[in-house]
């Protein structure tokens, strides 16, 4: 795993302002450090990323119904929702290039 994971988490959170976690950066960094240093025995043993984070959501603080990594899970949920490619925008540019040709601009 990335060795500077806690600082990377803080950086991503600052970039994704709509998460409204910027006022909780210290708590988020502590969660990231706890996650990074957690014994692997207590973490889900899943290869699929979606299943891993869903299982991690089920881990609760002792005596509480709150997930142990609630702020980290908010960030990961936002990151997993991002599109993996820019194919939609590329498709739009391709359509515009087909419509807006040099021949079209010379029509009377």
C-alpha atoms as a PDB file:
ATOM      1  CA  UNK A   1       0.000   0.000   0.000  1.00  0.00           C
ATOM      2  CA  UNK A   2       1.085   3.576  -0.666  1.00  0.00           C
ATOM      3  CA  UNK A   3       3.528   4.566   2.111  1.00  0.00           C
ATOM      4  CA  UNK A   4       2.283   8.158   2.465  1.00  0.00           C
ATOM      5  CA  UNK A   5      -1.349   7.071   2.469  1.00  0.00           C
ATOM      6  CA  UNK A   6      -2.606   9.474   5.205  1.00  0.00           C
ATOM      7  CA  UNK A   7      -1.271  12.564   3.411  1.00  0.00           C
ATOM      8  CA  UNK A   8      -2.628  11.334   0.074  1.00  0.00           C
ATOM      9  CA  UNK A   9      -6.060  10.950   1.690  1.00  0.00           C
ATOM     10  CA  UNK A  10      -5.913  14.528   2.981  1.00  0.00           C
ATOM     11  CA  UNK A  11      -4.826  15.799  -0.454  1.00  0.00           C
ATOM     12  CA  UNK A  12      -7.704  14.029  -2.222  1.00  0.00           C
ATOM     13  CA  UNK A  13     -10.178  15.356   0.318  1.00  0.00           C
ATOM     14  CA  UNK A  14      -9.011  18.913  -0.285  1.00  0.00           C
ATOM     15  CA  UNK A  15      -9.489  18.373  -4.032  1.00  0.00           C
ATOM     16  CA  UNK A  16     -13.033  17.031  -3.556  1.00  0.00           C
ATOM     17  CA  UNK A  17     -14.538  19.964  -1.671  1.00  0.00           C
ATOM     18  CA  UNK A  18     -18.107  18.776  -2.246  1.00  0.00           C
ATOM     19  CA  UNK A  19     -17.513  16.007   0.308  1.00  0.00           C
ATOM     20  CA  UNK A  20     -17.578  18.675   3.027  1.00  0.00           C
ATOM     21  CA  UNK A  21     -14.840  16.921   4.970  1.00  0.00           C
ATOM     22  CA  UNK A  22     -12.280  19.730   4.903  1.00  0.00           C
ATOM     23  CA  UNK A  23     -13.178  20.749   8.457  1.00  0.00           C
ATOM     24  CA  UNK A  24     -12.501  17.152   9.576  1.00  0.00           C
ATOM     25  CA  UNK A  25      -9.081  16.658   7.973  1.00  0.00           C
ATOM     26  CA  UNK A  26      -7.385  15.783  11.264  1.00  0.00           C
ATOM     27  CA  UNK A  27      -9.985  13.100  12.033  1.00  0.00           C
ATOM     28  CA  UNK A  28      -9.715  11.787   8.477  1.00  0.00           C
ATOM     29  CA  UNK A  29      -5.922  11.596   8.718  1.00  0.00           C
ATOM     30  CA  UNK A  30      -6.204   9.688  12.023  1.00  0.00           C
ATOM     31  CA  UNK A  31      -8.634   7.237  10.355  1.00  0.00           C
ATOM     32  CA  UNK A  32      -6.211   6.821   7.451  1.00  0.00           C
ATOM     33  CA  UNK A  33      -3.322   6.136   9.846  1.00  0.00           C
ATOM     34  CA  UNK A  34      -5.476   3.648  11.795  1.00  0.00           C
ATOM     35  CA  UNK A  35      -6.440   1.924   8.544  1.00  0.00           C
ATOM     36  CA  UNK A  36      -2.835   1.839   7.321  1.00  0.00           C
ATOM     37  CA  UNK A  37      -1.556   0.374  10.587  1.00  0.00           C
ATOM     38  CA  UNK A  38      -4.476  -2.003  11.237  1.00  0.00           C
ATOM     39  CA  UNK A  39      -3.693  -5.685  11.539  1.00  0.00           C
ATOM     40  CA  UNK A  40      -4.736  -7.346   8.276  1.00  0.00           C
ATOM     41  CA  UNK A  41      -6.547 -10.037  10.263  1.00  0.00           C
ATOM     42  CA  UNK A  42      -9.194  -7.463  11.221  1.00  0.00           C
ATOM     43  CA  UNK A  43      -9.640  -6.124   7.683  1.00  0.00           C
ATOM     44  CA  UNK A  44     -11.838  -7.769   5.029  1.00  0.00           C
ATOM     45  CA  UNK A  45     -10.021 -10.377   2.937  1.00  0.00           C
ATOM     46  CA  UNK A  46     -11.590  -9.413  -0.392  1.00  0.00           C
ATOM     47  CA  UNK A  47      -9.884  -8.956  -3.761  1.00  0.00           C
ATOM     48  CA  UNK A  48     -12.770  -7.033  -5.328  1.00  0.00           C
ATOM     49  CA  UNK A  49     -12.426  -3.370  -4.360  1.00  0.00           C
ATOM     50  CA  UNK A  50     -16.169  -2.696  -4.146  1.00  0.00           C
ATOM     51  CA  UNK A  51     -16.753  -5.737  -1.948  1.00  0.00           C
ATOM     52  CA  UNK A  52     -13.733  -4.853   0.240  1.00  0.00           C
ATOM     53  CA  UNK A  53     -14.987  -1.327   0.991  1.00  0.00           C
ATOM     54  CA  UNK A  54     -18.559  -2.550   1.529  1.00  0.00           C
ATOM     55  CA  UNK A  55     -17.257  -5.093   4.051  1.00  0.00           C
ATOM     56  CA  UNK A  56     -15.086  -2.433   5.695  1.00  0.00           C
ATOM     57  CA  UNK A  57     -18.242  -0.360   6.174  1.00  0.00           C
ATOM     58  CA  UNK A  58     -19.584  -3.154   8.374  1.00  0.00           C
ATOM     59  CA  UNK A  59     -16.706  -2.779  10.860  1.00  0.00           C
ATOM     60  CA  UNK A  60     -18.071  -0.640  13.703  1.00  0.00           C
ATOM     61  CA  UNK A  61     -16.478   1.130  16.644  1.00  0.00           C
ATOM     62  CA  UNK A  62     -16.911  -0.775  19.884  1.00  0.00           C
ATOM     63  CA  UNK A  63     -20.109   0.288  21.620  1.00  0.00           C
ATOM     64  CA  UNK A  64     -21.233   2.363  18.652  1.00  0.00           C
ATOM     65  CA  UNK A  65     -23.177   1.898  15.433  1.00  0.00           C
ATOM     66  CA  UNK A  66     -20.790   4.221  13.569  1.00  0.00           C
ATOM     67  CA  UNK A  67     -18.403   2.617  11.067  1.00  0.00           C
ATOM     68  CA  UNK A  68     -14.804   2.749  12.275  1.00  0.00           C
ATOM     69  CA  UNK A  69     -13.650   4.377   9.043  1.00  0.00           C
ATOM     70  CA  UNK A  70     -16.703   6.544   8.303  1.00  0.00           C
ATOM     71  CA  UNK A  71     -14.821   9.568   6.929  1.00  0.00           C
ATOM     72  CA  UNK A  72     -12.443   7.415   4.907  1.00  0.00           C
ATOM     73  CA  UNK A  73     -15.436   5.521   3.514  1.00  0.00           C
ATOM     74  CA  UNK A  74     -17.033   8.815   2.426  1.00  0.00           C
ATOM     75  CA  UNK A  75     -13.887   9.659   0.454  1.00  0.00           C
ATOM     76  CA  UNK A  76     -13.606   6.188  -1.076  1.00  0.00           C
ATOM     77  CA  UNK A  77     -17.278   6.198  -2.089  1.00  0.00           C
ATOM     78  CA  UNK A  78     -16.732   9.466  -3.958  1.00  0.00           C
ATOM     79  CA  UNK A  79     -13.596   8.117  -5.635  1.00  0.00           C
ATOM     80  CA  UNK A  80     -15.296   4.886  -6.703  1.00  0.00           C
ATOM     81  CA  UNK A  81     -18.098   6.928  -8.270  1.00  0.00           C
ATOM     82  CA  UNK A  82     -15.701   8.825 -10.563  1.00  0.00           C
ATOM     83  CA  UNK A  83     -15.709   7.792 -14.191  1.00  0.00           C
ATOM     84  CA  UNK A  84     -12.716   5.691 -15.141  1.00  0.00           C
ATOM     85  CA  UNK A  85     -12.447   7.175 -18.611  1.00  0.00           C
ATOM     86  CA  UNK A  86     -13.306  10.236 -20.622  1.00  0.00           C
ATOM     87  CA  UNK A  87     -14.964   8.310 -23.444  1.00  0.00           C
ATOM     88  CA  UNK A  88     -18.259  10.228 -23.136  1.00  0.00           C
ATOM     89  CA  UNK A  89     -16.609  13.585 -23.725  1.00  0.00           C
ATOM     90  CA  UNK A  90     -14.421  12.165 -26.498  1.00  0.00           C
ATOM     91  CA  UNK A  91     -17.542  10.852 -28.222  1.00  0.00           C
ATOM     92  CA  UNK A  92     -19.121  14.330 -28.085  1.00  0.00           C
ATOM     93  CA  UNK A  93     -16.007  15.903 -29.640  1.00  0.00           C
ATOM     94  CA  UNK A  94     -16.079  13.297 -32.392  1.00  0.00           C
ATOM     95  CA  UNK A  95     -19.720  14.080 -33.195  1.00  0.00           C
ATOM     96  CA  UNK A  96     -19.000  17.825 -33.300  1.00  0.00           C
ATOM     97  CA  UNK A  97     -16.074  17.225 -35.677  1.00  0.00           C
ATOM     98  CA  UNK A  98     -18.396  15.297 -38.010  1.00  0.00           C
ATOM     99  CA  UNK A  99     -21.002  18.075 -37.968  1.00  0.00           C
ATOM    100  CA  UNK A 100     -18.732  21.118 -38.091  1.00  0.00           C
ATOM    101  CA  UNK A 101     -16.688  20.381 -41.224  1.00  0.00           C
ATOM    102  CA  UNK A 102     -14.877  22.774 -43.536  1.00  0.00           C
ATOM    103  CA  UNK A 103     -17.367  22.022 -46.325  1.00  0.00           C
ATOM    104  CA  UNK A 104     -20.266  22.978 -44.067  1.00  0.00           C
ATOM    105  CA  UNK A 105     -18.779  26.381 -43.321  1.00  0.00           C
ATOM    106  CA  UNK A 106     -18.716  27.137 -47.108  1.00  0.00           C
ATOM    107  CA  UNK A 107     -22.438  26.469 -47.629  1.00  0.00           C
ATOM    108  CA  UNK A 108     -24.547  29.438 -48.765  1.00  0.00           C
END
